[in-house]
Amino acid sequence: GVKRICVVSTVGAGDSMDQAPWTFKLLMKTMMQKIMDDKNAQEGLFLDGPGADLEFCIVRPGGLKQGAPTGIVNVIDGEAGAINRADLAAFCLDAVLDPDFAHLQQAVCISSDMGSGFKSLMSDKTMSRMGSELARPLEDANPFGF
C-alpha cells in the first residue's frame, strides 16, 4: 500500500494564513472560502486524521506560474511568493522518492526566488496575459489580445 504521499494544498491553509499575501487573504475569506474549507479539511486528513500514520508532506505553494523549472524551491517562513508549477512538481517528487527528505510529517510553504506576495506573480511579464502577447512572434499573435 501507500506509505508516503505529498499533498498539494495552498498558502493560507491551516496555520499559514500569515504567509499569504493580503490580496490572497481577501480572496480566501470571500470568493474562495469554500475552496479554503476543502483545503483545510484535506490537510486535516493528514495532520490529525487517518493519513497521520503515513509519511507525508503537505506543501503550500504561493501563486503558481507556467514556465520551465528553475530548480529553485525555498521552504519559507515569511510571506509566500510565486513558484513555477514544474518546480512544485519536482518538490513533490522529492517528497515521495527521497529517503532522506527533510520535511516529512510537516506542512511547509514553498516559493522560488521571485520575491513575495502579489508582486512575485507579476514580476515575470512574459507570463502575464499582456506580456505573453509581447513575448510571442507577431505572426503568432492573437489579433483579439487574449
N, C-alpha and C. Protein backbone atom coordinates (compact mmCIF):
# COMPACT_ATOMS: atom_id res chain seq x y z
N GLY A 1 0.80 -1.19 0.00
CA GLY A 1 0.00 0.00 0.00
C GLY A 1 0.85 1.26 0.00
N VAL A 2 0.19 2.36 0.01
CA VAL A 2 0.84 3.66 0.01
C VAL A 2 1.50 3.89 1.37
N LYS A 3 2.75 4.30 1.34
CA LYS A 3 3.48 4.58 2.58
C LYS A 3 3.84 6.06 2.71
N ARG A 4 4.01 6.73 1.56
CA ARG A 4 4.42 8.14 1.57
C ARG A 4 3.62 8.90 0.52
N ILE A 5 3.25 10.13 0.87
CA ILE A 5 2.45 10.95 -0.03
C ILE A 5 2.84 12.42 0.13
N CYS A 6 2.75 13.15 -0.96
CA CYS A 6 2.90 14.60 -0.93
C CYS A 6 1.55 15.19 -1.30
N VAL A 7 1.03 16.05 -0.46
CA VAL A 7 -0.29 16.65 -0.63
C VAL A 7 -0.12 18.12 -0.99
N VAL A 8 -0.64 18.52 -2.14
CA VAL A 8 -0.55 19.93 -2.55
C VAL A 8 -1.77 20.66 -2.00
N SER A 9 -1.51 21.64 -1.18
CA SER A 9 -2.55 22.47 -0.60
C SER A 9 -2.37 23.90 -1.13
N THR A 10 -2.44 24.89 -0.29
CA THR A 10 -2.23 26.28 -0.72
C THR A 10 -1.74 27.11 0.45
N VAL A 11 -0.99 28.14 0.14
CA VAL A 11 -0.64 29.10 1.18
C VAL A 11 -1.95 29.70 1.70
N GLY A 12 -2.03 29.88 2.99
CA GLY A 12 -3.25 30.37 3.61
C GLY A 12 -4.05 29.28 4.28
N ALA A 13 -3.79 28.02 3.92
CA ALA A 13 -4.50 26.91 4.57
C ALA A 13 -3.83 26.62 5.91
N GLY A 14 -4.60 25.99 6.78
CA GLY A 14 -4.06 25.60 8.08
C GLY A 14 -3.54 26.81 8.85
N ASP A 15 -2.32 26.69 9.34
CA ASP A 15 -1.74 27.76 10.15
C ASP A 15 -0.90 28.73 9.33
N SER A 16 -1.08 28.76 8.01
CA SER A 16 -0.23 29.58 7.16
C SER A 16 -0.89 30.87 6.64
N MET A 17 -2.01 31.27 7.23
CA MET A 17 -2.69 32.47 6.74
C MET A 17 -1.78 33.70 6.80
N ASP A 18 -0.91 33.77 7.80
CA ASP A 18 0.01 34.91 7.90
C ASP A 18 1.02 34.95 6.76
N GLN A 19 1.21 33.82 6.08
CA GLN A 19 2.16 33.78 4.97
C GLN A 19 1.52 34.13 3.63
N ALA A 20 0.21 34.31 3.63
CA ALA A 20 -0.49 34.65 2.39
C ALA A 20 -0.43 36.16 2.16
N PRO A 21 -0.16 36.56 0.91
CA PRO A 21 -0.22 38.00 0.59
C PRO A 21 -1.63 38.54 0.85
N TRP A 22 -1.73 39.81 1.16
CA TRP A 22 -3.04 40.39 1.53
C TRP A 22 -4.08 40.20 0.44
N THR A 23 -3.66 40.21 -0.84
CA THR A 23 -4.63 40.02 -1.92
C THR A 23 -5.22 38.62 -1.87
N PHE A 24 -4.39 37.63 -1.54
CA PHE A 24 -4.88 36.25 -1.42
C PHE A 24 -5.80 36.12 -0.21
N LYS A 25 -5.43 36.77 0.89
CA LYS A 25 -6.26 36.71 2.10
C LYS A 25 -7.67 37.20 1.80
N LEU A 26 -7.75 38.29 1.06
CA LEU A 26 -9.05 38.85 0.70
C LEU A 26 -9.87 37.84 -0.10
N LEU A 27 -9.25 37.22 -1.10
CA LEU A 27 -9.94 36.21 -1.91
C LEU A 27 -10.32 34.99 -1.07
N MET A 28 -9.42 34.55 -0.21
CA MET A 28 -9.66 33.35 0.59
C MET A 28 -10.79 33.52 1.57
N LYS A 29 -11.00 34.73 2.05
CA LYS A 29 -12.06 35.00 3.02
C LYS A 29 -13.39 35.30 2.36
N THR A 30 -13.38 35.43 1.01
CA THR A 30 -14.62 35.77 0.31
C THR A 30 -14.92 34.72 -0.75
N MET A 31 -14.49 34.96 -1.97
CA MET A 31 -14.86 34.11 -3.10
C MET A 31 -14.30 32.68 -3.00
N MET A 32 -13.19 32.50 -2.30
CA MET A 32 -12.55 31.19 -2.23
C MET A 32 -12.81 30.48 -0.90
N GLN A 33 -13.76 30.94 -0.11
CA GLN A 33 -13.96 30.38 1.23
C GLN A 33 -14.26 28.87 1.18
N LYS A 34 -15.08 28.44 0.24
CA LYS A 34 -15.40 27.01 0.14
C LYS A 34 -14.15 26.21 -0.24
N ILE A 35 -13.34 26.75 -1.14
CA ILE A 35 -12.09 26.08 -1.52
C ILE A 35 -11.17 25.98 -0.31
N MET A 36 -11.09 27.05 0.47
CA MET A 36 -10.23 27.03 1.66
C MET A 36 -10.74 26.04 2.69
N ASP A 37 -12.05 25.95 2.85
CA ASP A 37 -12.62 24.95 3.75
C ASP A 37 -12.22 23.55 3.30
N ASP A 38 -12.28 23.29 1.99
CA ASP A 38 -11.88 21.99 1.44
C ASP A 38 -10.40 21.72 1.67
N LYS A 39 -9.55 22.74 1.44
CA LYS A 39 -8.10 22.58 1.65
C LYS A 39 -7.80 22.28 3.12
N ASN A 40 -8.48 22.98 4.03
CA ASN A 40 -8.27 22.73 5.46
C ASN A 40 -8.71 21.32 5.85
N ALA A 41 -9.82 20.87 5.28
CA ALA A 41 -10.28 19.51 5.56
C ALA A 41 -9.29 18.49 4.99
N GLN A 42 -8.78 18.75 3.79
CA GLN A 42 -7.78 17.88 3.17
C GLN A 42 -6.55 17.77 4.07
N GLU A 43 -6.05 18.89 4.54
CA GLU A 43 -4.87 18.87 5.41
C GLU A 43 -5.16 18.12 6.71
N GLY A 44 -6.36 18.30 7.24
CA GLY A 44 -6.74 17.63 8.48
C GLY A 44 -6.69 16.11 8.38
N LEU A 45 -6.91 15.58 7.18
CA LEU A 45 -6.83 14.13 7.00
C LEU A 45 -5.44 13.60 7.31
N PHE A 46 -4.43 14.43 7.15
CA PHE A 46 -3.05 14.00 7.38
C PHE A 46 -2.50 14.51 8.71
N LEU A 47 -2.88 15.71 9.12
CA LEU A 47 -2.33 16.27 10.35
C LEU A 47 -2.90 15.59 11.59
N ASP A 48 -4.19 15.26 11.56
CA ASP A 48 -4.79 14.61 12.74
C ASP A 48 -5.90 13.64 12.36
N GLY A 49 -5.80 13.07 11.17
CA GLY A 49 -6.82 12.14 10.70
C GLY A 49 -6.22 10.81 10.31
N PRO A 50 -6.92 10.06 9.47
CA PRO A 50 -6.47 8.72 9.11
C PRO A 50 -5.15 8.67 8.34
N GLY A 51 -4.75 9.76 7.72
CA GLY A 51 -3.49 9.78 6.98
C GLY A 51 -2.28 10.10 7.85
N ALA A 52 -2.50 10.37 9.13
CA ALA A 52 -1.40 10.74 10.03
C ALA A 52 -0.38 9.62 10.20
N ASP A 53 -0.78 8.38 9.91
CA ASP A 53 0.15 7.25 10.03
C ASP A 53 1.08 7.13 8.83
N LEU A 54 0.78 7.84 7.76
CA LEU A 54 1.64 7.80 6.57
C LEU A 54 2.82 8.76 6.74
N GLU A 55 3.85 8.55 5.94
CA GLU A 55 4.89 9.56 5.79
C GLU A 55 4.32 10.56 4.80
N PHE A 56 4.12 11.80 5.23
CA PHE A 56 3.50 12.78 4.35
C PHE A 56 4.25 14.10 4.40
N CYS A 57 4.06 14.87 3.37
CA CYS A 57 4.46 16.28 3.34
C CYS A 57 3.30 17.03 2.74
N ILE A 58 2.81 18.02 3.45
CA ILE A 58 1.81 18.92 2.90
C ILE A 58 2.57 20.14 2.39
N VAL A 59 2.42 20.43 1.12
CA VAL A 59 3.14 21.55 0.52
C VAL A 59 2.14 22.65 0.16
N ARG A 60 2.47 23.86 0.59
CA ARG A 60 1.60 25.02 0.40
C ARG A 60 2.33 26.03 -0.49
N PRO A 61 2.16 25.92 -1.81
CA PRO A 61 2.82 26.88 -2.69
C PRO A 61 2.13 28.23 -2.65
N GLY A 62 2.92 29.27 -2.99
CA GLY A 62 2.32 30.58 -3.24
C GLY A 62 1.64 30.53 -4.60
N GLY A 63 1.60 31.60 -5.32
CA GLY A 63 1.00 31.61 -6.65
C GLY A 63 1.73 30.70 -7.61
N LEU A 64 0.99 30.01 -8.45
CA LEU A 64 1.58 29.09 -9.41
C LEU A 64 1.73 29.76 -10.76
N LYS A 65 2.90 29.53 -11.37
CA LYS A 65 3.21 30.13 -12.67
C LYS A 65 3.59 29.04 -13.66
N GLN A 66 3.44 29.36 -14.92
CA GLN A 66 3.91 28.49 -16.00
C GLN A 66 5.40 28.72 -16.16
N GLY A 67 6.03 27.85 -16.91
CA GLY A 67 7.44 28.06 -17.22
C GLY A 67 8.27 26.84 -16.93
N ALA A 68 9.46 26.86 -17.48
CA ALA A 68 10.40 25.76 -17.26
C ALA A 68 10.84 25.74 -15.80
N PRO A 69 11.26 24.58 -15.33
CA PRO A 69 11.73 24.53 -13.94
C PRO A 69 12.96 25.40 -13.75
N THR A 70 13.02 26.08 -12.62
CA THR A 70 14.18 26.91 -12.30
C THR A 70 15.16 26.15 -11.42
N GLY A 71 14.66 25.11 -10.75
CA GLY A 71 15.49 24.38 -9.80
C GLY A 71 15.59 25.08 -8.46
N ILE A 72 14.85 26.17 -8.29
CA ILE A 72 14.89 26.93 -7.03
C ILE A 72 13.57 26.76 -6.30
N VAL A 73 13.65 26.09 -5.15
CA VAL A 73 12.49 25.91 -4.28
C VAL A 73 12.95 26.21 -2.86
N ASN A 74 12.31 27.20 -2.26
CA ASN A 74 12.65 27.59 -0.90
C ASN A 74 11.49 27.28 0.03
N VAL A 75 11.77 26.57 1.12
CA VAL A 75 10.80 26.41 2.20
C VAL A 75 10.91 27.69 3.01
N ILE A 76 9.79 28.39 3.17
CA ILE A 76 9.84 29.74 3.73
C ILE A 76 8.99 29.86 4.99
N ASP A 77 9.37 30.84 5.80
CA ASP A 77 8.60 31.19 6.99
C ASP A 77 7.84 32.49 6.79
N GLY A 78 8.28 33.31 5.83
CA GLY A 78 7.66 34.62 5.60
C GLY A 78 6.56 34.54 4.56
N GLU A 79 6.23 35.70 4.00
CA GLU A 79 5.16 35.79 3.00
C GLU A 79 5.54 35.00 1.75
N ALA A 80 4.61 34.20 1.29
CA ALA A 80 4.86 33.33 0.14
C ALA A 80 4.83 34.12 -1.16
N GLY A 81 5.61 33.65 -2.11
CA GLY A 81 5.63 34.23 -3.44
C GLY A 81 5.33 33.16 -4.47
N ALA A 82 5.52 33.50 -5.72
CA ALA A 82 5.19 32.60 -6.82
C ALA A 82 6.24 31.51 -6.98
N ILE A 83 5.80 30.43 -7.63
CA ILE A 83 6.69 29.33 -7.96
C ILE A 83 6.18 28.69 -9.25
N ASN A 84 7.09 28.25 -10.08
CA ASN A 84 6.67 27.57 -11.30
C ASN A 84 6.09 26.20 -10.96
N ARG A 85 5.07 25.82 -11.71
CA ARG A 85 4.43 24.51 -11.49
C ARG A 85 5.45 23.38 -11.61
N ALA A 86 6.40 23.51 -12.53
CA ALA A 86 7.41 22.46 -12.71
C ALA A 86 8.28 22.31 -11.45
N ASP A 87 8.58 23.41 -10.77
CA ASP A 87 9.35 23.34 -9.53
C ASP A 87 8.53 22.72 -8.40
N LEU A 88 7.24 23.03 -8.36
CA LEU A 88 6.35 22.39 -7.39
C LEU A 88 6.33 20.88 -7.62
N ALA A 89 6.21 20.47 -8.88
CA ALA A 89 6.19 19.04 -9.20
C ALA A 89 7.49 18.36 -8.77
N ALA A 90 8.62 19.01 -8.99
CA ALA A 90 9.91 18.44 -8.59
C ALA A 90 9.97 18.29 -7.07
N PHE A 91 9.47 19.28 -6.33
CA PHE A 91 9.44 19.20 -4.88
C PHE A 91 8.60 18.01 -4.43
N CYS A 92 7.44 17.83 -5.07
CA CYS A 92 6.56 16.72 -4.71
C CYS A 92 7.23 15.37 -4.99
N LEU A 93 7.91 15.26 -6.12
CA LEU A 93 8.63 14.02 -6.42
C LEU A 93 9.71 13.74 -5.38
N ASP A 94 10.45 14.78 -5.01
CA ASP A 94 11.46 14.61 -3.96
C ASP A 94 10.82 14.15 -2.66
N ALA A 95 9.68 14.72 -2.31
CA ALA A 95 9.00 14.36 -1.07
C ALA A 95 8.63 12.88 -1.04
N VAL A 96 8.29 12.34 -2.19
CA VAL A 96 7.86 10.95 -2.26
C VAL A 96 9.04 9.98 -2.43
N LEU A 97 10.05 10.41 -3.18
CA LEU A 97 11.12 9.48 -3.57
C LEU A 97 12.41 9.59 -2.77
N ASP A 98 12.70 10.73 -2.18
CA ASP A 98 13.95 10.92 -1.46
C ASP A 98 13.85 10.29 -0.06
N PRO A 99 14.65 9.26 0.21
CA PRO A 99 14.54 8.61 1.52
C PRO A 99 14.90 9.52 2.69
N ASP A 100 15.68 10.57 2.43
CA ASP A 100 16.09 11.50 3.50
C ASP A 100 15.40 12.86 3.38
N PHE A 101 14.22 12.88 2.81
CA PHE A 101 13.50 14.15 2.63
C PHE A 101 13.30 14.83 3.98
N ALA A 102 13.65 16.10 4.05
CA ALA A 102 13.73 16.82 5.33
C ALA A 102 12.39 17.30 5.88
N HIS A 103 11.33 17.26 5.10
CA HIS A 103 10.08 17.90 5.53
C HIS A 103 8.93 16.91 5.70
N LEU A 104 9.23 15.68 6.07
CA LEU A 104 8.17 14.70 6.31
C LEU A 104 7.44 15.04 7.61
N GLN A 105 6.15 14.70 7.64
CA GLN A 105 5.27 14.96 8.78
C GLN A 105 5.14 16.47 9.05
N GLN A 106 5.26 17.26 7.98
CA GLN A 106 5.17 18.72 8.11
C GLN A 106 4.29 19.30 7.01
N ALA A 107 3.80 20.50 7.28
CA ALA A 107 3.14 21.32 6.27
C ALA A 107 4.05 22.53 6.06
N VAL A 108 4.54 22.70 4.83
CA VAL A 108 5.50 23.76 4.55
C VAL A 108 5.03 24.63 3.39
N CYS A 109 5.32 25.93 3.49
CA CYS A 109 5.08 26.85 2.38
C CYS A 109 6.34 26.90 1.54
N ILE A 110 6.15 26.90 0.22
CA ILE A 110 7.31 26.98 -0.66
C ILE A 110 7.15 28.15 -1.63
N SER A 111 8.28 28.62 -2.09
CA SER A 111 8.35 29.75 -3.01
C SER A 111 9.63 29.61 -3.80
N SER A 112 9.77 30.37 -4.86
CA SER A 112 11.03 30.37 -5.61
C SER A 112 11.80 31.61 -5.21
N ASP A 113 12.58 32.14 -6.09
CA ASP A 113 13.34 33.36 -5.80
C ASP A 113 12.70 34.58 -6.46
N MET A 114 11.40 34.51 -6.74
CA MET A 114 10.72 35.59 -7.47
C MET A 114 10.17 36.67 -6.54
N GLY A 115 10.59 36.68 -5.29
CA GLY A 115 10.07 37.66 -4.35
C GLY A 115 8.86 37.10 -3.63
N SER A 116 8.10 37.98 -3.01
CA SER A 116 6.94 37.53 -2.26
C SER A 116 5.71 38.33 -2.63
N GLY A 117 4.57 37.79 -2.23
CA GLY A 117 3.31 38.49 -2.43
C GLY A 117 2.89 38.59 -3.88
N PHE A 118 1.92 39.48 -4.12
CA PHE A 118 1.35 39.66 -5.44
C PHE A 118 2.41 40.10 -6.44
N LYS A 119 3.38 40.88 -5.98
CA LYS A 119 4.44 41.38 -6.85
C LYS A 119 5.18 40.21 -7.51
N SER A 120 5.34 39.11 -6.80
CA SER A 120 6.07 37.97 -7.37
C SER A 120 5.32 37.35 -8.53
N LEU A 121 4.00 37.39 -8.49
CA LEU A 121 3.21 36.85 -9.60
C LEU A 121 3.34 37.71 -10.85
N MET A 122 3.48 38.99 -10.64
CA MET A 122 3.53 39.92 -11.76
C MET A 122 4.95 40.25 -12.20
N SER A 123 5.95 39.70 -11.51
CA SER A 123 7.34 40.08 -11.80
C SER A 123 7.80 39.59 -13.17
N ASP A 124 7.25 38.51 -13.65
CA ASP A 124 7.67 37.96 -14.93
C ASP A 124 6.62 38.32 -15.97
N LYS A 125 6.86 39.40 -16.69
CA LYS A 125 5.86 39.92 -17.64
C LYS A 125 5.61 38.96 -18.81
N THR A 126 6.52 38.04 -19.08
CA THR A 126 6.28 37.10 -20.17
C THR A 126 5.18 36.11 -19.81
N MET A 127 4.83 36.02 -18.52
CA MET A 127 3.80 35.08 -18.11
C MET A 127 2.44 35.74 -17.91
N SER A 128 2.39 37.06 -17.97
CA SER A 128 1.09 37.73 -17.84
C SER A 128 0.39 37.71 -19.19
N ARG A 129 -0.88 37.98 -19.20
CA ARG A 129 -1.65 37.96 -20.45
C ARG A 129 -1.08 38.96 -21.45
N MET A 130 -0.83 40.18 -21.02
CA MET A 130 -0.28 41.18 -21.94
C MET A 130 1.15 40.83 -22.32
N GLY A 131 1.94 40.42 -21.33
CA GLY A 131 3.33 40.11 -21.59
C GLY A 131 3.50 38.94 -22.54
N SER A 132 2.60 37.97 -22.47
CA SER A 132 2.72 36.81 -23.35
C SER A 132 2.51 37.21 -24.81
N GLU A 133 1.68 38.21 -25.05
CA GLU A 133 1.50 38.70 -26.41
C GLU A 133 2.77 39.38 -26.91
N LEU A 134 3.45 40.08 -26.01
CA LEU A 134 4.67 40.77 -26.39
C LEU A 134 5.84 39.81 -26.60
N ALA A 135 5.81 38.67 -25.91
CA ALA A 135 6.92 37.73 -25.98
C ALA A 135 6.83 36.83 -27.20
N ARG A 136 5.65 36.70 -27.80
CA ARG A 136 5.50 35.82 -28.96
C ARG A 136 5.83 36.55 -30.24
N PRO A 137 6.27 35.83 -31.25
CA PRO A 137 6.46 36.48 -32.56
C PRO A 137 5.12 37.03 -33.06
N LEU A 138 5.16 38.14 -33.74
CA LEU A 138 3.95 38.82 -34.18
C LEU A 138 3.05 37.93 -35.03
N GLU A 139 3.64 37.07 -35.87
CA GLU A 139 2.80 36.24 -36.74
C GLU A 139 1.95 35.24 -35.95
N ASP A 140 2.36 34.94 -34.70
CA ASP A 140 1.59 34.02 -33.86
C ASP A 140 0.60 34.74 -32.95
N ALA A 141 0.64 36.05 -32.95
CA ALA A 141 -0.17 36.81 -32.00
C ALA A 141 -1.65 36.68 -32.32
N ASN A 142 -2.44 36.63 -31.26
CA ASN A 142 -3.89 36.61 -31.39
C ASN A 142 -4.36 38.04 -31.62
N PRO A 143 -5.08 38.34 -32.72
CA PRO A 143 -5.49 39.71 -33.01
C PRO A 143 -6.49 40.26 -32.01
N PHE A 144 -7.09 39.39 -31.19
CA PHE A 144 -8.09 39.84 -30.21
C PHE A 144 -7.47 40.14 -28.86
N GLY A 145 -6.16 39.89 -28.67
CA GLY A 145 -5.48 40.26 -27.43
C GLY A 145 -5.65 39.28 -26.29
N PHE A 146 -6.09 38.05 -26.56
CA PHE A 146 -6.18 37.06 -25.48
C PHE A 146 -5.80 35.72 -26.00
